[in-house]
Amino acid sequence: MNSASLTRSQKHIIVLAGGSHTEASAITRSLRELGHSCLFSPDYRTFEQFVRWLNPELILLDGEDYDFLRCFIGGRHAGLAPTIHLVSHAVNMRRAFAVGATDCIVKPVLTEELQACVNVYRQLHEMRHLHLESLSAGI
């Protein structure tokens, strides 16, 4: 999927490849095969542009650049969407949570685990949206 075919009305999952391009591409492909709208961003600058433009419902981050993650998650993009960090080792989960990750998945990523995690966050997003609608309608 290229950026020319994207619209703001679509809800997307964004995968950031800060690590292995091959691995991130495989995750993106798996999510698409499971029916999710997914966009792969090869670098941090493009990733930030996609997030600002698309306002995704879920963000998957793959990378070990904790300075960027601290600025991104804890700074100007805080609260935009749940952020799942793909970590290479269980010990890195602590660092990911420390910079603001909502959840972590230890690599290698199993398709079933990724699907379950994505489904939970998308269901939570939908429930939150319905709750906000009912509040605005005065129900």
C-alpha atoms as a PDB file:
ATOM      1  CA  MET A   1       0.000   0.000   0.000  1.00  0.00           C
ATOM      2  CA  ASN A   2       1.518   3.334  -0.925  1.00  0.00           C
ATOM      3  CA  SER A   3       0.794   6.680   0.688  1.00  0.00           C
ATOM      4  CA  ALA A   4      -1.116   7.894  -2.395  1.00  0.00           C
ATOM      5  CA  SER A   5      -3.857   5.336  -1.731  1.00  0.00           C
ATOM      6  CA  LEU A   6      -4.319   6.294   1.936  1.00  0.00           C
ATOM      7  CA  THR A   7      -7.103   8.420   3.323  1.00  0.00           C
ATOM      8  CA  ARG A   8      -7.635   9.886   6.765  1.00  0.00           C
ATOM      9  CA  SER A   9     -10.948   8.075   7.121  1.00  0.00           C
ATOM     10  CA  GLN A  10      -9.300   4.664   7.056  1.00  0.00           C
ATOM     11  CA  LYS A  11      -7.928   3.315  10.323  1.00  0.00           C
ATOM     12  CA  HIS A  12      -4.466   1.895  10.084  1.00  0.00           C
ATOM     13  CA  ILE A  13      -1.935  -0.036  12.049  1.00  0.00           C
ATOM     14  CA  ILE A  14       1.533   1.312  11.498  1.00  0.00           C
ATOM     15  CA  VAL A  15       4.641  -0.805  11.792  1.00  0.00           C
ATOM     16  CA  LEU A  16       7.889   1.053  12.226  1.00  0.00           C
ATOM     17  CA  ALA A  17      10.997  -0.769  11.089  1.00  0.00           C
ATOM     18  CA  GLY A  18      13.765   0.400  13.349  1.00  0.00           C
ATOM     19  CA  GLY A  19      15.246  -3.054  13.342  1.00  0.00           C
ATOM     20  CA  SER A  20      15.220  -5.659  10.608  1.00  0.00           C
ATOM     21  CA  HIS A  21      13.538  -4.536   7.383  1.00  0.00           C
ATOM     22  CA  THR A  22      12.841  -8.172   6.523  1.00  0.00           C
ATOM     23  CA  GLU A  23      11.181  -8.840   9.872  1.00  0.00           C
ATOM     24  CA  ALA A  24       9.015  -5.712   9.771  1.00  0.00           C
ATOM     25  CA  SER A  25       7.972  -6.481   6.197  1.00  0.00           C
ATOM     26  CA  ALA A  26       6.950  -9.987   7.247  1.00  0.00           C
ATOM     27  CA  ILE A  27       4.874  -8.622  10.146  1.00  0.00           C
ATOM     28  CA  THR A  28       3.201  -6.109   7.850  1.00  0.00           C
ATOM     29  CA  ARG A  29       2.413  -8.848   5.338  1.00  0.00           C
ATOM     30  CA  SER A  30       0.985 -11.101   8.086  1.00  0.00           C
ATOM     31  CA  LEU A  31      -1.290  -8.343   9.363  1.00  0.00           C
ATOM     32  CA  ARG A  32      -2.544  -7.604   5.861  1.00  0.00           C
ATOM     33  CA  GLU A  33      -3.230 -11.302   5.245  1.00  0.00           C
ATOM     34  CA  LEU A  34      -5.265 -11.313   8.474  1.00  0.00           C
ATOM     35  CA  GLY A  35      -7.392  -8.490   7.086  1.00  0.00           C
ATOM     36  CA  HIS A  36      -5.858  -5.491   8.842  1.00  0.00           C
ATOM     37  CA  SER A  37      -5.014  -2.255   7.092  1.00  0.00           C
ATOM     38  CA  CYS A  38      -1.313  -1.904   7.680  1.00  0.00           C
ATOM     39  CA  LEU A  39       1.408   0.454   6.602  1.00  0.00           C
ATOM     40  CA  PHE A  40       5.124  -0.156   6.827  1.00  0.00           C
ATOM     41  CA  SER A  41       7.364   2.823   7.470  1.00  0.00           C
ATOM     42  CA  PRO A  42      11.080   2.337   6.818  1.00  0.00           C
ATOM     43  CA  ASP A  43      12.315   5.254   8.953  1.00  0.00           C
ATOM     44  CA  TYR A  44      11.372   7.451  11.901  1.00  0.00           C
ATOM     45  CA  ARG A  45      10.765  10.633   9.906  1.00  0.00           C
ATOM     46  CA  THR A  46       8.304   8.946   7.541  1.00  0.00           C
ATOM     47  CA  PHE A  47       6.728   7.169  10.490  1.00  0.00           C
ATOM     48  CA  GLU A  48       6.016  10.467  12.288  1.00  0.00           C
ATOM     49  CA  GLN A  49       4.491  11.904   9.115  1.00  0.00           C
ATOM     50  CA  PHE A  50       2.209   8.868   8.720  1.00  0.00           C
ATOM     51  CA  VAL A  51       1.109   9.096  12.366  1.00  0.00           C
ATOM     52  CA  ARG A  52       0.274  12.796  12.072  1.00  0.00           C
ATOM     53  CA  TRP A  53      -1.600  12.286   8.801  1.00  0.00           C
ATOM     54  CA  LEU A  54      -3.470   9.046   9.527  1.00  0.00           C
ATOM     55  CA  ASN A  55      -4.119   9.171  13.280  1.00  0.00           C
ATOM     56  CA  PRO A  56      -3.886   5.351  13.521  1.00  0.00           C
ATOM     57  CA  GLU A  57      -5.859   3.306  16.014  1.00  0.00           C
ATOM     58  CA  LEU A  58      -2.822   1.142  16.866  1.00  0.00           C
ATOM     59  CA  ILE A  59       0.907   1.546  16.452  1.00  0.00           C
ATOM     60  CA  LEU A  60       3.450  -1.268  16.344  1.00  0.00           C
ATOM     61  CA  LEU A  61       7.031  -0.152  16.928  1.00  0.00           C
ATOM     62  CA  ASP A  62       9.975  -2.313  15.995  1.00  0.00           C
ATOM     63  CA  GLY A  63      13.292  -0.835  17.003  1.00  0.00           C
ATOM     64  CA  GLU A  64      15.747  -0.273  19.779  1.00  0.00           C
ATOM     65  CA  ASP A  65      16.088   3.515  19.545  1.00  0.00           C
ATOM     66  CA  TYR A  66      14.776   4.308  23.027  1.00  0.00           C
ATOM     67  CA  ASP A  67      15.634   8.023  22.768  1.00  0.00           C
ATOM     68  CA  PHE A  68      13.279   8.321  19.775  1.00  0.00           C
ATOM     69  CA  LEU A  69      10.661   6.204  21.511  1.00  0.00           C
ATOM     70  CA  ARG A  70      10.841   8.305  24.669  1.00  0.00           C
ATOM     71  CA  CYS A  71      10.312  11.484  22.625  1.00  0.00           C
ATOM     72  CA  PHE A  72       7.618   9.945  20.435  1.00  0.00           C
ATOM     73  CA  ILE A  73       5.535   8.070  22.992  1.00  0.00           C
ATOM     74  CA  GLY A  74       6.113  10.293  25.990  1.00  0.00           C
ATOM     75  CA  GLY A  75       6.123  13.588  24.149  1.00  0.00           C
ATOM     76  CA  ARG A  76       4.113  15.211  21.424  1.00  0.00           C
ATOM     77  CA  HIS A  77       2.357  12.006  20.336  1.00  0.00           C
ATOM     78  CA  ALA A  78       1.359  10.787  23.809  1.00  0.00           C
ATOM     79  CA  GLY A  79      -2.135   9.356  23.956  1.00  0.00           C
ATOM     80  CA  LEU A  80      -2.685   9.155  20.205  1.00  0.00           C
ATOM     81  CA  ALA A  81      -2.995   5.390  20.035  1.00  0.00           C
ATOM     82  CA  PRO A  82      -1.926   2.327  21.984  1.00  0.00           C
ATOM     83  CA  THR A  83       1.677   1.525  21.153  1.00  0.00           C
ATOM     84  CA  ILE A  84       2.868  -2.074  21.055  1.00  0.00           C
ATOM     85  CA  HIS A  85       6.633  -2.398  21.056  1.00  0.00           C
ATOM     86  CA  LEU A  86       8.265  -5.417  19.438  1.00  0.00           C
ATOM     87  CA  VAL A  87      11.319  -6.240  21.529  1.00  0.00           C
ATOM     88  CA  SER A  88      14.220  -8.563  20.803  1.00  0.00           C
ATOM     89  CA  HIS A  89      14.606  -9.837  24.378  1.00  0.00           C
ATOM     90  CA  ALA A  90      12.358 -10.000  27.425  1.00  0.00           C
ATOM     91  CA  VAL A  91      14.776  -7.735  29.332  1.00  0.00           C
ATOM     92  CA  ASN A  92      14.004  -4.937  26.819  1.00  0.00           C
ATOM     93  CA  MET A  93      10.347  -4.968  27.857  1.00  0.00           C
ATOM     94  CA  ARG A  94      11.232  -2.946  30.957  1.00  0.00           C
ATOM     95  CA  ARG A  95      12.864  -0.258  28.817  1.00  0.00           C
ATOM     96  CA  ALA A  96       9.930  -0.183  26.387  1.00  0.00           C
ATOM     97  CA  PHE A  97       7.409   0.219  29.210  1.00  0.00           C
ATOM     98  CA  ALA A  98       9.630   2.872  30.811  1.00  0.00           C
ATOM     99  CA  VAL A  99       9.373   5.039  27.683  1.00  0.00           C
ATOM    100  CA  GLY A 100       5.607   4.597  27.451  1.00  0.00           C
ATOM    101  CA  ALA A 101       4.789   1.454  25.465  1.00  0.00           C
ATOM    102  CA  THR A 102       1.254   0.179  26.087  1.00  0.00           C
ATOM    103  CA  ASP A 103       2.284  -3.438  25.530  1.00  0.00           C
ATOM    104  CA  CYS A 104       5.220  -5.526  24.310  1.00  0.00           C
ATOM    105  CA  ILE A 105       5.683  -8.634  22.202  1.00  0.00           C
ATOM    106  CA  VAL A 106       8.989 -10.495  22.330  1.00  0.00           C
ATOM    107  CA  LYS A 107      10.445 -11.440  18.940  1.00  0.00           C
ATOM    108  CA  PRO A 108      10.308 -13.669  17.039  1.00  0.00           C
ATOM    109  CA  VAL A 109       6.709 -12.591  16.664  1.00  0.00           C
ATOM    110  CA  LEU A 110       4.195 -15.404  16.398  1.00  0.00           C
ATOM    111  CA  THR A 111       1.324 -14.579  14.066  1.00  0.00           C
ATOM    112  CA  GLU A 112      -1.250 -15.947  16.525  1.00  0.00           C
ATOM    113  CA  GLU A 113       0.126 -13.848  19.391  1.00  0.00           C
ATOM    114  CA  LEU A 114       0.237 -10.731  17.225  1.00  0.00           C
ATOM    115  CA  GLN A 115      -3.326 -11.324  15.986  1.00  0.00           C
ATOM    116  CA  ALA A 116      -4.634 -11.802  19.539  1.00  0.00           C
ATOM    117  CA  CYS A 117      -2.896  -8.661  20.767  1.00  0.00           C
ATOM    118  CA  VAL A 118      -4.089  -6.555  17.819  1.00  0.00           C
ATOM    119  CA  ASN A 119      -7.647  -7.832  18.238  1.00  0.00           C
ATOM    120  CA  VAL A 120      -7.711  -6.889  21.933  1.00  0.00           C
ATOM    121  CA  TYR A 121      -6.547  -3.328  21.261  1.00  0.00           C
ATOM    122  CA  ARG A 122      -8.895  -2.871  18.325  1.00  0.00           C
ATOM    123  CA  GLN A 123     -11.824  -4.113  20.463  1.00  0.00           C
ATOM    124  CA  LEU A 124     -10.820  -1.711  23.244  1.00  0.00           C
ATOM    125  CA  HIS A 125     -10.643   1.097  20.690  1.00  0.00           C
ATOM    126  CA  GLU A 126     -14.146   0.263  19.432  1.00  0.00           C
ATOM    127  CA  MET A 127     -15.561   0.055  22.967  1.00  0.00           C
ATOM    128  CA  ARG A 128     -13.998   3.427  23.833  1.00  0.00           C
ATOM    129  CA  HIS A 129     -15.430   4.942  20.665  1.00  0.00           C
ATOM    130  CA  LEU A 130     -18.920   3.605  21.476  1.00  0.00           C
ATOM    131  CA  HIS A 131     -18.643   4.862  25.042  1.00  0.00           C
ATOM    132  CA  LEU A 132     -17.654   8.352  23.877  1.00  0.00           C
ATOM    133  CA  GLU A 133     -20.561   8.359  21.397  1.00  0.00           C
ATOM    134  CA  SER A 134     -23.022   7.424  24.141  1.00  0.00           C
ATOM    135  CA  LEU A 135     -21.633  10.170  26.406  1.00  0.00           C
ATOM    136  CA  SER A 136     -21.973  12.776  23.664  1.00  0.00           C
ATOM    137  CA  ALA A 137     -25.525  11.618  22.928  1.00  0.00           C
ATOM    138  CA  GLY A 138     -26.413  11.985  26.621  1.00  0.00           C
ATOM    139  CA  ILE A 139     -27.248   8.312  27.124  1.00  0.00           C
END
